[in-house]
Amino acid sequence: MISADLGPQLESFVAKLVETGRYNSKSEVLREGIRLIQEREARLSLLDLALARGLDDAEKGRVKPVSDVVTRLEAKYQSMGSASG
């Protein structure tokens, strides 16, 4: 069992969530918060992996000139705008 001191401000916030019926208990609020943190940490891990791959590519010379990338993106977004208009 985990016991946590949330402090008055967070404790009040959690209590209001339970009082309004948004959650059934303080434990439910805390579980939801921890699930959200898990999701955020998973997204951050994916970002870290993508950054590491990008840095590795750059170090090994697997890069494209920025002008090529900009030209490709401009064409892509211009065609997207034409399709929706």
PDB file of N, CA and C in Angstrom:
ATOM      1  N   MET A   1       0.847  -1.194   0.000  1.00  0.00           N
ATOM      2  CA  MET A   1       0.000   0.000   0.000  1.00  0.00           C
ATOM      3  C   MET A   1       0.877   1.235   0.000  1.00  0.00           C
ATOM      4  N   ILE A   2       0.511   2.208  -0.814  1.00  0.00           N
ATOM      5  CA  ILE A   2       1.256   3.459  -0.910  1.00  0.00           C
ATOM      6  C   ILE A   2       0.467   4.554  -0.211  1.00  0.00           C
ATOM      7  N   SER A   3       1.185   5.323   0.585  1.00  0.00           N
ATOM      8  CA  SER A   3       0.589   6.475   1.230  1.00  0.00           C
ATOM      9  C   SER A   3       1.309   7.707   0.695  1.00  0.00           C
ATOM     10  N   ALA A   4       0.559   8.715   0.295  1.00  0.00           N
ATOM     11  CA  ALA A   4       1.176   9.894  -0.293  1.00  0.00           C
ATOM     12  C   ALA A   4       0.638  11.155   0.360  1.00  0.00           C
ATOM     13  N   ASP A   5       1.545  12.084   0.643  1.00  0.00           N
ATOM     14  CA  ASP A   5       1.155  13.387   1.155  1.00  0.00           C
ATOM     15  C   ASP A   5       1.078  14.320  -0.046  1.00  0.00           C
ATOM     16  N   LEU A   6      -0.125  14.692  -0.438  1.00  0.00           N
ATOM     17  CA  LEU A   6      -0.315  15.522  -1.618  1.00  0.00           C
ATOM     18  C   LEU A   6      -0.225  17.009  -1.322  1.00  0.00           C
ATOM     19  N   GLY A   7      -0.300  17.362  -0.083  1.00  0.00           N
ATOM     20  CA  GLY A   7      -0.341  18.777   0.266  1.00  0.00           C
ATOM     21  C   GLY A   7      -1.769  19.276   0.146  1.00  0.00           C
ATOM     22  N   PRO A   8      -2.071  20.384   0.787  1.00  0.00           N
ATOM     23  CA  PRO A   8      -3.451  20.871   0.848  1.00  0.00           C
ATOM     24  C   PRO A   8      -4.079  21.183  -0.520  1.00  0.00           C
ATOM     25  N   GLN A   9      -3.326  21.792  -1.417  1.00  0.00           N
ATOM     26  CA  GLN A   9      -3.891  22.196  -2.704  1.00  0.00           C
ATOM     27  C   GLN A   9      -4.277  20.976  -3.546  1.00  0.00           C
ATOM     28  N   LEU A  10      -3.382  20.013  -3.683  1.00  0.00           N
ATOM     29  CA  LEU A  10      -3.701  18.819  -4.467  1.00  0.00           C
ATOM     30  C   LEU A  10      -4.747  17.952  -3.775  1.00  0.00           C
ATOM     31  N   GLU A  11      -4.667  17.875  -2.467  1.00  0.00           N
ATOM     32  CA  GLU A  11      -5.657  17.094  -1.714  1.00  0.00           C
ATOM     33  C   GLU A  11      -7.051  17.663  -1.943  1.00  0.00           C
ATOM     34  N   SER A  12      -7.164  18.984  -1.929  1.00  0.00           N
ATOM     35  CA  SER A  12      -8.449  19.645  -2.170  1.00  0.00           C
ATOM     36  C   SER A  12      -8.940  19.370  -3.587  1.00  0.00           C
ATOM     37  N   PHE A  13      -8.044  19.425  -4.553  1.00  0.00           N
ATOM     38  CA  PHE A  13      -8.405  19.159  -5.938  1.00  0.00           C
ATOM     39  C   PHE A  13      -8.928  17.739  -6.105  1.00  0.00           C
ATOM     40  N   VAL A  14      -8.223  16.791  -5.515  1.00  0.00           N
ATOM     41  CA  VAL A  14      -8.634  15.380  -5.597  1.00  0.00           C
ATOM     42  C   VAL A  14      -9.996  15.205  -4.926  1.00  0.00           C
ATOM     43  N   ALA A  15     -10.169  15.820  -3.759  1.00  0.00           N
ATOM     44  CA  ALA A  15     -11.437  15.701  -3.043  1.00  0.00           C
ATOM     45  C   ALA A  15     -12.600  16.249  -3.881  1.00  0.00           C
ATOM     46  N   LYS A  16     -12.381  17.360  -4.574  1.00  0.00           N
ATOM     47  CA  LYS A  16     -13.436  17.937  -5.423  1.00  0.00           C
ATOM     48  C   LYS A  16     -13.791  17.015  -6.579  1.00  0.00           C
ATOM     49  N   LEU A  17     -12.785  16.362  -7.154  1.00  0.00           N
ATOM     50  CA  LEU A  17     -13.049  15.417  -8.241  1.00  0.00           C
ATOM     51  C   LEU A  17     -13.935  14.267  -7.772  1.00  0.00           C
ATOM     52  N   VAL A  18     -13.697  13.818  -6.552  1.00  0.00           N
ATOM     53  CA  VAL A  18     -14.504  12.730  -5.993  1.00  0.00           C
ATOM     54  C   VAL A  18     -15.890  13.248  -5.617  1.00  0.00           C
ATOM     55  N   GLU A  19     -15.960  14.413  -4.983  1.00  0.00           N
ATOM     56  CA  GLU A  19     -17.242  14.988  -4.562  1.00  0.00           C
ATOM     57  C   GLU A  19     -18.177  15.231  -5.747  1.00  0.00           C
ATOM     58  N   THR A  20     -17.617  15.660  -6.868  1.00  0.00           N
ATOM     59  CA  THR A  20     -18.450  15.960  -8.036  1.00  0.00           C
ATOM     60  C   THR A  20     -18.850  14.703  -8.801  1.00  0.00           C
ATOM     61  N   GLY A  21     -18.320  13.564  -8.393  1.00  0.00           N
ATOM     62  CA  GLY A  21     -18.666  12.310  -9.052  1.00  0.00           C
ATOM     63  C   GLY A  21     -17.826  11.987 -10.269  1.00  0.00           C
ATOM     64  N   ARG A  22     -16.864  12.833 -10.551  1.00  0.00           N
ATOM     65  CA  ARG A  22     -15.979  12.568 -11.700  1.00  0.00           C
ATOM     66  C   ARG A  22     -15.220  11.257 -11.478  1.00  0.00           C
ATOM     67  N   TYR A  23     -14.821  11.018 -10.255  1.00  0.00           N
ATOM     68  CA  TYR A  23     -14.143   9.783  -9.853  1.00  0.00           C
ATOM     69  C   TYR A  23     -14.852   9.230  -8.629  1.00  0.00           C
ATOM     70  N   ASN A  24     -14.740   7.918  -8.431  1.00  0.00           N
ATOM     71  CA  ASN A  24     -15.407   7.277  -7.297  1.00  0.00           C
ATOM     72  C   ASN A  24     -14.608   7.327  -6.007  1.00  0.00           C
ATOM     73  N   SER A  25     -13.290   7.512  -6.129  1.00  0.00           N
ATOM     74  CA  SER A  25     -12.453   7.525  -4.928  1.00  0.00           C
ATOM     75  C   SER A  25     -11.147   8.258  -5.203  1.00  0.00           C
ATOM     76  N   LYS A  26     -10.465   8.606  -4.132  1.00  0.00           N
ATOM     77  CA  LYS A  26      -9.158   9.242  -4.264  1.00  0.00           C
ATOM     78  C   LYS A  26      -8.186   8.299  -4.964  1.00  0.00           C
ATOM     79  N   SER A  27      -8.277   7.022  -4.662  1.00  0.00           N
ATOM     80  CA  SER A  27      -7.399   6.041  -5.298  1.00  0.00           C
ATOM     81  C   SER A  27      -7.602   6.022  -6.807  1.00  0.00           C
ATOM     82  N   GLU A  28      -8.842   6.150  -7.231  1.00  0.00           N
ATOM     83  CA  GLU A  28      -9.136   6.163  -8.663  1.00  0.00           C
ATOM     84  C   GLU A  28      -8.493   7.380  -9.335  1.00  0.00           C
ATOM     85  N   VAL A  29      -8.534   8.525  -8.670  1.00  0.00           N
ATOM     86  CA  VAL A  29      -7.906   9.734  -9.195  1.00  0.00           C
ATOM     87  C   VAL A  29      -6.397   9.507  -9.335  1.00  0.00           C
ATOM     88  N   LEU A  30      -5.789   8.962  -8.308  1.00  0.00           N
ATOM     89  CA  LEU A  30      -4.344   8.738  -8.339  1.00  0.00           C
ATOM     90  C   LEU A  30      -3.955   7.717  -9.396  1.00  0.00           C
ATOM     91  N   ARG A  31      -4.751   6.659  -9.563  1.00  0.00           N
ATOM     92  CA  ARG A  31      -4.461   5.660 -10.604  1.00  0.00           C
ATOM     93  C   ARG A  31      -4.508   6.297 -11.980  1.00  0.00           C
ATOM     94  N   GLU A  32      -5.511   7.141 -12.204  1.00  0.00           N
ATOM     95  CA  GLU A  32      -5.631   7.837 -13.489  1.00  0.00           C
ATOM     96  C   GLU A  32      -4.418   8.731 -13.722  1.00  0.00           C
ATOM     97  N   GLY A  33      -3.999   9.433 -12.691  1.00  0.00           N
ATOM     98  CA  GLY A  33      -2.813  10.287 -12.821  1.00  0.00           C
ATOM     99  C   GLY A  33      -1.574   9.488 -13.169  1.00  0.00           C
ATOM    100  N   ILE A  34      -1.417   8.359 -12.540  1.00  0.00           N
ATOM    101  CA  ILE A  34      -0.246   7.516 -12.817  1.00  0.00           C
ATOM    102  C   ILE A  34      -0.322   6.942 -14.231  1.00  0.00           C
ATOM    103  N   ARG A  35      -1.518   6.568 -14.690  1.00  0.00           N
ATOM    104  CA  ARG A  35      -1.668   6.088 -16.079  1.00  0.00           C
ATOM    105  C   ARG A  35      -1.257   7.183 -17.069  1.00  0.00           C
ATOM    106  N   LEU A  36      -1.648   8.414 -16.791  1.00  0.00           N
ATOM    107  CA  LEU A  36      -1.278   9.518 -17.674  1.00  0.00           C
ATOM    108  C   LEU A  36       0.230   9.732 -17.688  1.00  0.00           C
ATOM    109  N   ILE A  37       0.859   9.595 -16.536  1.00  0.00           N
ATOM    110  CA  ILE A  37       2.314   9.718 -16.462  1.00  0.00           C
ATOM    111  C   ILE A  37       2.973   8.589 -17.255  1.00  0.00           C
ATOM    112  N   GLN A  38       2.439   7.368 -17.141  1.00  0.00           N
ATOM    113  CA  GLN A  38       2.979   6.247 -17.915  1.00  0.00           C
ATOM    114  C   GLN A  38       2.896   6.531 -19.410  1.00  0.00           C
ATOM    115  N   GLU A  39       1.763   7.051 -19.869  1.00  0.00           N
ATOM    116  CA  GLU A  39       1.600   7.381 -21.289  1.00  0.00           C
ATOM    117  C   GLU A  39       2.610   8.440 -21.720  1.00  0.00           C
ATOM    118  N   ARG A  40       2.772   9.461 -20.902  1.00  0.00           N
ATOM    119  CA  ARG A  40       3.724  10.534 -21.230  1.00  0.00           C
ATOM    120  C   ARG A  40       5.140   9.990 -21.288  1.00  0.00           C
ATOM    121  N   GLU A  41       5.504   9.146 -20.328  1.00  0.00           N
ATOM    122  CA  GLU A  41       6.848   8.572 -20.308  1.00  0.00           C
ATOM    123  C   GLU A  41       7.085   7.689 -21.530  1.00  0.00           C
ATOM    124  N   ALA A  42       6.058   6.958 -21.959  1.00  0.00           N
ATOM    125  CA  ALA A  42       6.192   6.117 -23.151  1.00  0.00           C
ATOM    126  C   ALA A  42       6.427   6.992 -24.383  1.00  0.00           C
ATOM    127  N   ARG A  43       5.678   8.102 -24.497  1.00  0.00           N
ATOM    128  CA  ARG A  43       5.869   9.015 -25.626  1.00  0.00           C
ATOM    129  C   ARG A  43       7.257   9.642 -25.591  1.00  0.00           C
ATOM    130  N   LEU A  44       7.721  10.004 -24.404  1.00  0.00           N
ATOM    131  CA  LEU A  44       9.063  10.582 -24.277  1.00  0.00           C
ATOM    132  C   LEU A  44      10.138   9.567 -24.660  1.00  0.00           C
ATOM    133  N   SER A  45       9.921   8.302 -24.320  1.00  0.00           N
ATOM    134  CA  SER A  45      10.874   7.259 -24.704  1.00  0.00           C
ATOM    135  C   SER A  45      10.951   7.124 -26.214  1.00  0.00           C
ATOM    136  N   LEU A  46       9.794   7.168 -26.876  1.00  0.00           N
ATOM    137  CA  LEU A  46       9.781   7.107 -28.341  1.00  0.00           C
ATOM    138  C   LEU A  46      10.495   8.309 -28.943  1.00  0.00           C
ATOM    139  N   LEU A  47      10.295   9.476 -28.363  1.00  0.00           N
ATOM    140  CA  LEU A  47      10.969  10.676 -28.830  1.00  0.00           C
ATOM    141  C   LEU A  47      12.482  10.548 -28.651  1.00  0.00           C
ATOM    142  N   ASP A  48      12.904  10.042 -27.494  1.00  0.00           N
ATOM    143  CA  ASP A  48      14.334   9.827 -27.248  1.00  0.00           C
ATOM    144  C   ASP A  48      14.942   8.891 -28.283  1.00  0.00           C
ATOM    145  N   LEU A  49      14.211   7.810 -28.622  1.00  0.00           N
ATOM    146  CA  LEU A  49      14.703   6.877 -29.634  1.00  0.00           C
ATOM    147  C   LEU A  49      14.813   7.549 -31.000  1.00  0.00           C
ATOM    148  N   ALA A  50      13.812   8.334 -31.359  1.00  0.00           N
ATOM    149  CA  ALA A  50      13.830   9.026 -32.646  1.00  0.00           C
ATOM    150  C   ALA A  50      14.990  10.023 -32.705  1.00  0.00           C
ATOM    151  N   LEU A  51      15.227  10.729 -31.612  1.00  0.00           N
ATOM    152  CA  LEU A  51      16.344  11.673 -31.571  1.00  0.00           C
ATOM    153  C   LEU A  51      17.676  10.943 -31.689  1.00  0.00           C
ATOM    154  N   ALA A  52      17.808   9.833 -30.999  1.00  0.00           N
ATOM    155  CA  ALA A  52      19.046   9.054 -31.063  1.00  0.00           C
ATOM    156  C   ALA A  52      19.288   8.548 -32.487  1.00  0.00           C
ATOM    157  N   ARG A  53      18.212   8.070 -33.153  1.00  0.00           N
ATOM    158  CA  ARG A  53      18.354   7.619 -34.547  1.00  0.00           C
ATOM    159  C   ARG A  53      18.777   8.779 -35.445  1.00  0.00           C
ATOM    160  N   GLY A  54      18.154   9.927 -35.242  1.00  0.00           N
ATOM    161  CA  GLY A  54      18.492  11.095 -36.052  1.00  0.00           C
ATOM    162  C   GLY A  54      19.926  11.535 -35.848  1.00  0.00           C
ATOM    163  N   LEU A  55      20.376  11.550 -34.611  1.00  0.00           N
ATOM    164  CA  LEU A  55      21.768  11.921 -34.328  1.00  0.00           C
ATOM    165  C   LEU A  55      22.737  10.908 -34.931  1.00  0.00           C
ATOM    166  N   ASP A  56      22.383   9.632 -34.838  1.00  0.00           N
ATOM    167  CA  ASP A  56      23.220   8.582 -35.420  1.00  0.00           C
ATOM    168  C   ASP A  56      23.297   8.755 -36.935  1.00  0.00           C
ATOM    169  N   ASP A  57      22.146   9.026 -37.572  1.00  0.00           N
ATOM    170  CA  ASP A  57      22.131   9.265 -39.013  1.00  0.00           C
ATOM    171  C   ASP A  57      23.025  10.451 -39.369  1.00  0.00           C
ATOM    172  N   ALA A  58      22.916  11.525 -38.606  1.00  0.00           N
ATOM    173  CA  ALA A  58      23.725  12.716 -38.884  1.00  0.00           C
ATOM    174  C   ALA A  58      25.214  12.415 -38.739  1.00  0.00           C
ATOM    175  N   GLU A  59      25.575  11.694 -37.680  1.00  0.00           N
ATOM    176  CA  GLU A  59      26.981  11.359 -37.461  1.00  0.00           C
ATOM    177  C   GLU A  59      27.538  10.481 -38.582  1.00  0.00           C
ATOM    178  N   LYS A  60      26.675   9.657 -39.184  1.00  0.00           N
ATOM    179  CA  LYS A  60      27.117   8.751 -40.246  1.00  0.00           C
ATOM    180  C   LYS A  60      26.913   9.350 -41.639  1.00  0.00           C
ATOM    181  N   GLY A  61      26.510  10.621 -41.681  1.00  0.00           N
ATOM    182  CA  GLY A  61      26.377  11.302 -42.957  1.00  0.00           C
ATOM    183  C   GLY A  61      25.105  10.989 -43.723  1.00  0.00           C
ATOM    184  N   ARG A  62      24.167  10.342 -43.078  1.00  0.00           N
ATOM    185  CA  ARG A  62      22.893  10.026 -43.745  1.00  0.00           C
ATOM    186  C   ARG A  62      21.938  11.209 -43.560  1.00  0.00           C
ATOM    187  N   VAL A  63      22.215  12.272 -44.302  1.00  0.00           N
ATOM    188  CA  VAL A  63      21.418  13.497 -44.198  1.00  0.00           C
ATOM    189  C   VAL A  63      21.090  14.013 -45.594  1.00  0.00           C
ATOM    190  N   LYS A  64      20.127  14.915 -45.658  1.00  0.00           N
ATOM    191  CA  LYS A  64      19.754  15.572 -46.908  1.00  0.00           C
ATOM    192  C   LYS A  64      19.899  17.072 -46.702  1.00  0.00           C
ATOM    193  N   PRO A  65      20.223  17.782 -47.767  1.00  0.00           N
ATOM    194  CA  PRO A  65      20.298  19.248 -47.624  1.00  0.00           C
ATOM    195  C   PRO A  65      18.934  19.813 -47.222  1.00  0.00           C
ATOM    196  N   VAL A  66      18.941  20.811 -46.363  1.00  0.00           N
ATOM    197  CA  VAL A  66      17.694  21.388 -45.864  1.00  0.00           C
ATOM    198  C   VAL A  66      16.856  21.941 -47.014  1.00  0.00           C
ATOM    199  N   SER A  67      17.490  22.444 -48.047  1.00  0.00           N
ATOM    200  CA  SER A  67      16.729  22.997 -49.179  1.00  0.00           C
ATOM    201  C   SER A  67      15.901  21.900 -49.856  1.00  0.00           C
ATOM    202  N   ASP A  68      16.430  20.675 -49.930  1.00  0.00           N
ATOM    203  CA  ASP A  68      15.666  19.559 -50.510  1.00  0.00           C
ATOM    204  C   ASP A  68      14.447  19.228 -49.649  1.00  0.00           C
ATOM    205  N   VAL A  69      14.647  19.234 -48.357  1.00  0.00           N
ATOM    206  CA  VAL A  69      13.559  18.915 -47.429  1.00  0.00           C
ATOM    207  C   VAL A  69      12.477  19.984 -47.494  1.00  0.00           C
ATOM    208  N   VAL A  70      12.889  21.244 -47.515  1.00  0.00           N
ATOM    209  CA  VAL A  70      11.931  22.352 -47.571  1.00  0.00           C
ATOM    210  C   VAL A  70      11.130  22.284 -48.861  1.00  0.00           C
ATOM    211  N   THR A  71      11.797  22.031 -49.976  1.00  0.00           N
ATOM    212  CA  THR A  71      11.106  21.932 -51.267  1.00  0.00           C
ATOM    213  C   THR A  71      10.074  20.814 -51.248  1.00  0.00           C
ATOM    214  N   ARG A  72      10.452  19.664 -50.709  1.00  0.00           N
ATOM    215  CA  ARG A  72       9.531  18.528 -50.637  1.00  0.00           C
ATOM    216  C   ARG A  72       8.334  18.844 -49.736  1.00  0.00           C
ATOM    217  N   LEU A  73       8.592  19.454 -48.581  1.00  0.00           N
ATOM    218  CA  LEU A  73       7.495  19.794 -47.662  1.00  0.00           C
ATOM    219  C   LEU A  73       6.574  20.864 -48.249  1.00  0.00           C
ATOM    220  N   GLU A  74       7.148  21.848 -48.912  1.00  0.00           N
ATOM    221  CA  GLU A  74       6.310  22.885 -49.531  1.00  0.00           C
ATOM    222  C   GLU A  74       5.380  22.272 -50.570  1.00  0.00           C
ATOM    223  N   ALA A  75       5.923  21.370 -51.389  1.00  0.00           N
ATOM    224  CA  ALA A  75       5.098  20.715 -52.405  1.00  0.00           C
ATOM    225  C   ALA A  75       4.002  19.866 -51.764  1.00  0.00           C
ATOM    226  N   LYS A  76       4.351  19.173 -50.711  1.00  0.00           N
ATOM    227  CA  LYS A  76       3.382  18.318 -50.011  1.00  0.00           C
ATOM    228  C   LYS A  76       2.241  19.160 -49.456  1.00  0.00           C
ATOM    229  N   TYR A  77       2.554  20.228 -48.728  1.00  0.00           N
ATOM    230  CA  TYR A  77       1.510  21.029 -48.098  1.00  0.00           C
ATOM    231  C   TYR A  77       0.726  21.861 -49.111  1.00  0.00           C
ATOM    232  N   GLN A  78       1.385  22.229 -50.201  1.00  0.00           N
ATOM    233  CA  GLN A  78       0.668  22.955 -51.247  1.00  0.00           C
ATOM    234  C   GLN A  78      -0.384  22.035 -51.892  1.00  0.00           C
ATOM    235  N   SER A  79      -0.012  20.759 -52.124  1.00  0.00           N
ATOM    236  CA  SER A  79      -0.965  19.830 -52.721  1.00  0.00           C
ATOM    237  C   SER A  79      -2.093  19.506 -51.738  1.00  0.00           C
ATOM    238  N   MET A  80      -1.784  19.479 -50.450  1.00  0.00           N
ATOM    239  CA  MET A  80      -2.820  19.249 -49.444  1.00  0.00           C
ATOM    240  C   MET A  80      -3.809  20.408 -49.430  1.00  0.00           C
ATOM    241  N   GLY A  81      -3.300  21.626 -49.566  1.00  0.00           N
ATOM    242  CA  GLY A  81      -4.168  22.801 -49.588  1.00  0.00           C
ATOM    243  C   GLY A  81      -5.034  22.834 -50.823  1.00  0.00           C
ATOM    244  N   SER A  82      -4.480  22.414 -51.941  1.00  0.00           N
ATOM    245  CA  SER A  82      -5.239  22.380 -53.197  1.00  0.00           C
ATOM    246  C   SER A  82      -6.338  21.346 -53.141  1.00  0.00           C
ATOM    247  N   ALA A  83      -6.065  20.214 -52.497  1.00  0.00           N
ATOM    248  CA  ALA A  83      -7.048  19.136 -52.414  1.00  0.00           C
ATOM    249  C   ALA A  83      -8.239  19.523 -51.535  1.00  0.00           C
ATOM    250  N   SER A  84      -7.991  20.320 -50.494  1.00  0.00           N
ATOM    251  CA  SER A  84      -9.084  20.662 -49.567  1.00  0.00           C
ATOM    252  C   SER A  84      -9.839  21.911 -50.008  1.00  0.00           C
ATOM    253  N   GLY A  85      -9.292  22.667 -50.943  1.00  0.00           N
ATOM    254  CA  GLY A  85      -9.934  23.924 -51.313  1.00  0.00           C
ATOM    255  C   GLY A  85     -10.757  23.776 -52.485  1.00  0.00           C
TER     256      GLY A  85
END
